[in-house]
Amino acid sequence: MSIVNYIKDSFKELNTNVTWMPWPEAQKTTVVVAVFTIIFAIAIFFVDKFFQFGLDKYFNLFN
């Protein structure tokens, strides 16, 4: 099977056999994922700063 046939068959399958969610639902889902990604990133930032602060204080005890 050549690569060209593979690509043609893949596009045909995506257009005929795959059930896609409606466009408005895809937009809402994308917004939800983006918001939770930002919230998670902010939470990780604060946890990192907390541990950095704690470790800085700990190592400064030995100076």
N, C-alpha and C. Protein backbone atom coordinates (compact mmCIF):
# COMPACT_ATOMS: atom_id res chain seq x y z
N MET A 1 0.85 -1.18 0.00
CA MET A 1 0.00 0.00 0.00
C MET A 1 0.89 1.24 0.00
N SER A 2 0.65 2.11 -0.92
CA SER A 2 1.48 3.32 -1.00
C SER A 2 1.00 4.35 0.01
N ILE A 3 1.84 5.30 0.27
CA ILE A 3 1.52 6.36 1.23
C ILE A 3 0.36 7.21 0.73
N VAL A 4 0.27 7.41 -0.58
CA VAL A 4 -0.82 8.21 -1.14
C VAL A 4 -2.16 7.52 -0.90
N ASN A 5 -2.22 6.22 -1.14
CA ASN A 5 -3.46 5.47 -0.88
C ASN A 5 -3.82 5.49 0.60
N TYR A 6 -2.83 5.38 1.42
CA TYR A 6 -3.05 5.41 2.87
C TYR A 6 -3.68 6.75 3.28
N ILE A 7 -3.15 7.85 2.77
CA ILE A 7 -3.68 9.18 3.11
C ILE A 7 -5.09 9.34 2.57
N LYS A 8 -5.34 8.89 1.33
CA LYS A 8 -6.68 8.98 0.75
C LYS A 8 -7.69 8.17 1.57
N ASP A 9 -7.30 6.96 1.95
CA ASP A 9 -8.19 6.11 2.74
C ASP A 9 -8.44 6.71 4.13
N SER A 10 -7.43 7.32 4.69
CA SER A 10 -7.59 7.94 6.00
C SER A 10 -8.59 9.09 5.95
N PHE A 11 -8.46 9.96 4.94
CA PHE A 11 -9.40 11.07 4.80
C PHE A 11 -10.82 10.55 4.53
N LYS A 12 -10.93 9.51 3.72
CA LYS A 12 -12.25 8.94 3.43
C LYS A 12 -12.88 8.41 4.71
N GLU A 13 -12.10 7.71 5.51
CA GLU A 13 -12.63 7.17 6.76
C GLU A 13 -13.02 8.29 7.72
N LEU A 14 -12.21 9.34 7.80
CA LEU A 14 -12.54 10.47 8.68
C LEU A 14 -13.83 11.17 8.25
N ASN A 15 -14.08 11.22 6.97
CA ASN A 15 -15.28 11.90 6.47
C ASN A 15 -16.53 11.04 6.52
N THR A 16 -16.39 9.72 6.46
CA THR A 16 -17.58 8.87 6.35
C THR A 16 -17.85 8.04 7.60
N ASN A 17 -16.83 7.59 8.30
CA ASN A 17 -17.02 6.63 9.38
C ASN A 17 -16.91 7.23 10.78
N VAL A 18 -16.36 8.43 10.90
CA VAL A 18 -16.14 9.03 12.21
C VAL A 18 -17.32 9.94 12.53
N THR A 19 -17.83 9.82 13.74
CA THR A 19 -18.89 10.71 14.20
C THR A 19 -18.26 11.87 14.96
N TRP A 20 -18.41 13.06 14.43
CA TRP A 20 -17.83 14.25 15.05
C TRP A 20 -18.87 14.93 15.93
N MET A 21 -18.43 15.53 17.02
CA MET A 21 -19.36 16.27 17.87
C MET A 21 -19.74 17.57 17.17
N PRO A 22 -20.89 18.11 17.50
CA PRO A 22 -21.32 19.37 16.88
C PRO A 22 -20.34 20.51 17.20
N TRP A 23 -20.23 21.45 16.28
CA TRP A 23 -19.27 22.55 16.40
C TRP A 23 -19.45 23.36 17.69
N PRO A 24 -20.68 23.75 18.08
CA PRO A 24 -20.82 24.51 19.34
C PRO A 24 -20.35 23.73 20.56
N GLU A 25 -20.59 22.43 20.57
CA GLU A 25 -20.13 21.60 21.69
C GLU A 25 -18.61 21.53 21.71
N ALA A 26 -18.00 21.45 20.55
CA ALA A 26 -16.53 21.41 20.48
C ALA A 26 -15.94 22.72 20.99
N GLN A 27 -16.59 23.84 20.67
CA GLN A 27 -16.10 25.14 21.16
C GLN A 27 -16.22 25.23 22.67
N LYS A 28 -17.35 24.81 23.23
CA LYS A 28 -17.53 24.84 24.69
C LYS A 28 -16.52 23.94 25.38
N THR A 29 -16.29 22.77 24.85
CA THR A 29 -15.34 21.84 25.43
C THR A 29 -13.92 22.41 25.39
N THR A 30 -13.58 23.07 24.30
CA THR A 30 -12.26 23.68 24.18
C THR A 30 -12.07 24.77 25.23
N VAL A 31 -13.10 25.57 25.47
CA VAL A 31 -13.02 26.62 26.48
C VAL A 31 -12.85 26.01 27.87
N VAL A 32 -13.59 24.96 28.16
CA VAL A 32 -13.49 24.30 29.47
C VAL A 32 -12.08 23.75 29.67
N VAL A 33 -11.53 23.11 28.66
CA VAL A 33 -10.17 22.56 28.77
C VAL A 33 -9.15 23.68 28.96
N ALA A 34 -9.31 24.79 28.24
CA ALA A 34 -8.37 25.91 28.37
C ALA A 34 -8.43 26.51 29.77
N VAL A 35 -9.64 26.69 30.32
CA VAL A 35 -9.79 27.27 31.65
C VAL A 35 -9.16 26.36 32.70
N PHE A 36 -9.44 25.08 32.65
CA PHE A 36 -8.86 24.17 33.64
C PHE A 36 -7.35 24.04 33.48
N THR A 37 -6.84 24.16 32.27
CA THR A 37 -5.40 24.15 32.06
C THR A 37 -4.75 25.35 32.73
N ILE A 38 -5.36 26.51 32.60
CA ILE A 38 -4.83 27.72 33.24
C ILE A 38 -4.90 27.60 34.76
N ILE A 39 -6.03 27.12 35.28
CA ILE A 39 -6.17 26.94 36.73
C ILE A 39 -5.12 25.97 37.26
N PHE A 40 -4.93 24.87 36.55
CA PHE A 40 -3.94 23.87 36.97
C PHE A 40 -2.53 24.45 36.94
N ALA A 41 -2.22 25.23 35.91
CA ALA A 41 -0.90 25.84 35.80
C ALA A 41 -0.66 26.82 36.95
N ILE A 42 -1.67 27.59 37.32
CA ILE A 42 -1.53 28.52 38.45
C ILE A 42 -1.34 27.76 39.75
N ALA A 43 -2.08 26.67 39.93
CA ALA A 43 -1.93 25.86 41.14
C ALA A 43 -0.53 25.27 41.23
N ILE A 44 -0.02 24.75 40.13
CA ILE A 44 1.34 24.20 40.12
C ILE A 44 2.36 25.28 40.42
N PHE A 45 2.15 26.50 39.90
CA PHE A 45 3.04 27.63 40.17
C PHE A 45 3.13 27.90 41.67
N PHE A 46 1.96 27.96 42.33
CA PHE A 46 1.96 28.26 43.76
C PHE A 46 2.57 27.13 44.59
N VAL A 47 2.34 25.89 44.22
CA VAL A 47 2.96 24.77 44.92
C VAL A 47 4.47 24.83 44.76
N ASP A 48 4.93 25.14 43.55
CA ASP A 48 6.36 25.26 43.30
C ASP A 48 6.97 26.39 44.13
N LYS A 49 6.30 27.54 44.19
CA LYS A 49 6.80 28.66 44.99
C LYS A 49 6.82 28.31 46.47
N PHE A 50 5.82 27.58 46.94
CA PHE A 50 5.77 27.15 48.34
C PHE A 50 6.98 26.27 48.68
N PHE A 51 7.25 25.28 47.84
CA PHE A 51 8.39 24.40 48.10
C PHE A 51 9.71 25.14 47.95
N GLN A 52 9.78 26.06 46.99
CA GLN A 52 11.01 26.84 46.83
C GLN A 52 11.27 27.69 48.07
N PHE A 53 10.23 28.33 48.57
CA PHE A 53 10.36 29.14 49.78
C PHE A 53 10.81 28.28 50.96
N GLY A 54 10.16 27.13 51.13
CA GLY A 54 10.52 26.22 52.23
C GLY A 54 11.95 25.71 52.14
N LEU A 55 12.36 25.32 50.95
CA LEU A 55 13.72 24.81 50.78
C LEU A 55 14.75 25.93 50.95
N ASP A 56 14.45 27.14 50.50
CA ASP A 56 15.36 28.26 50.71
C ASP A 56 15.55 28.53 52.20
N LYS A 57 14.47 28.52 52.96
CA LYS A 57 14.56 28.73 54.41
C LYS A 57 15.36 27.61 55.07
N TYR A 58 15.12 26.39 54.63
CA TYR A 58 15.83 25.24 55.21
C TYR A 58 17.33 25.33 54.95
N PHE A 59 17.73 25.62 53.71
CA PHE A 59 19.15 25.67 53.41
C PHE A 59 19.83 26.90 53.97
N ASN A 60 19.08 27.97 54.21
CA ASN A 60 19.66 29.16 54.82
C ASN A 60 19.95 28.94 56.30
N LEU A 61 19.39 27.91 56.90
CA LEU A 61 19.70 27.57 58.29
C LEU A 61 21.16 27.16 58.43
N PHE A 62 21.78 26.67 57.37
CA PHE A 62 23.13 26.14 57.42
C PHE A 62 24.18 27.16 56.97
N ASN A 63 23.78 28.38 56.67
CA ASN A 63 24.74 29.41 56.24
C ASN A 63 25.27 30.18 57.41
